[in-house]
Protein backbone atom coordinates (compact mmCIF):
# COMPACT_ATOMS: atom_id res chain seq x y z
CA MET A 1 17.62 16.54 16.59
CA THR A 2 16.73 16.25 12.52
CA ILE A 3 18.47 13.36 10.66
CA LYS A 4 19.84 16.08 8.52
CA SER A 5 21.91 17.29 11.41
CA VAL A 6 23.06 13.48 12.48
CA PHE A 7 24.25 12.46 8.79
CA LYS A 8 26.02 16.29 9.55
CA LYS A 9 27.78 14.85 12.04
CA ILE A 10 28.52 11.86 11.55
CA LYS A 11 30.40 12.77 8.19
CA LYS A 12 32.32 15.10 10.25
CA ASN A 13 32.91 12.71 12.87
CA VAL A 14 34.25 10.15 10.07
CA ARG A 15 36.32 13.08 8.14
CA ASN A 16 37.87 13.88 11.53
CA PHE A 17 38.80 10.34 12.20
CA PHE A 18 40.23 9.69 8.54
CA LEU A 19 42.20 13.80 8.25
CA ASP A 20 43.83 12.36 11.39
CA GLU A 21 47.42 12.48 11.91
CA SER A 22 48.32 10.03 13.77
CA GLY A 23 46.95 6.55 13.08
CA GLY A 24 44.21 5.78 15.93
CA ASN A 25 43.66 2.39 17.82
CA LEU A 26 40.96 1.12 15.20
CA VAL A 27 43.75 1.49 12.15
CA GLU A 28 46.25 -0.52 14.12
CA TYR A 29 44.05 -3.24 15.39
CA ALA A 30 42.26 -3.58 11.94
CA LEU A 31 45.73 -3.71 10.11
CA LEU A 32 47.23 -6.36 13.03
CA ILE A 33 44.10 -8.52 12.33
CA GLY A 34 44.31 -8.56 8.50
CA PHE A 35 48.30 -9.54 8.82
CA ALA A 36 47.42 -12.07 11.04
CA LEU A 37 44.69 -13.32 9.01
CA PHE A 38 47.02 -13.47 6.04
CA ILE A 39 49.65 -15.59 7.80
CA PHE A 40 46.88 -17.77 8.91
CA PHE A 41 45.62 -18.71 5.79
CA ILE A 42 49.26 -18.93 4.22
CA LEU A 43 49.92 -21.57 7.14
CA VAL A 44 46.78 -23.28 6.42
CA GLY A 45 47.37 -23.90 2.76
CA VAL A 46 50.74 -24.91 3.24
CA ILE A 47 49.67 -27.38 6.17
CA THR A 48 47.02 -28.18 3.56
CA SER A 49 49.12 -28.82 0.71
CA LEU A 50 51.69 -31.10 2.66
CA LEU A 51 48.83 -33.49 3.85
CA ASP A 52 47.98 -33.97 -0.11
CA TRP A 53 51.42 -34.65 -0.51
CA THR A 54 52.22 -37.00 1.83
CA LEU A 55 48.30 -38.65 1.01
CA SER A 56 49.90 -38.78 -2.96
CA LEU A 57 52.85 -40.22 -1.58
CA SER A 58 51.02 -42.91 0.24
CA ASP A 59 48.17 -44.29 -2.45
CA ASP A 60 51.03 -44.44 -4.96
CA PHE A 61 52.88 -46.67 -2.54
CA PHE A 62 50.40 -48.91 -1.76
CA GLN A 63 49.77 -48.83 -5.56
CA LEU A 64 53.57 -50.16 -6.42
CA ILE A 65 52.99 -52.43 -3.47
CA GLY A 66 49.56 -54.15 -4.90
CA GLY A 67 51.35 -54.44 -8.18
CA ILE A 68 54.13 -56.57 -6.90
CA ILE A 69 52.37 -59.13 -4.89
CA PHE A 70 49.58 -59.35 -6.51
């Protein structure tokens, strides 16, 4: 088996995979994983922004209380 025939076989298999009308399991799983990662990063972004917001509120509160007491 030569290298040329191996590449030809790989090219044929890849072409058949992408030209297949029915969605393969690999494509479906890749889309599901991509969507899950997208949602995960959105949730992480929202949670970190909420944590930053509460931290800034507590800093402002302590600066206000420190200005009144001292």
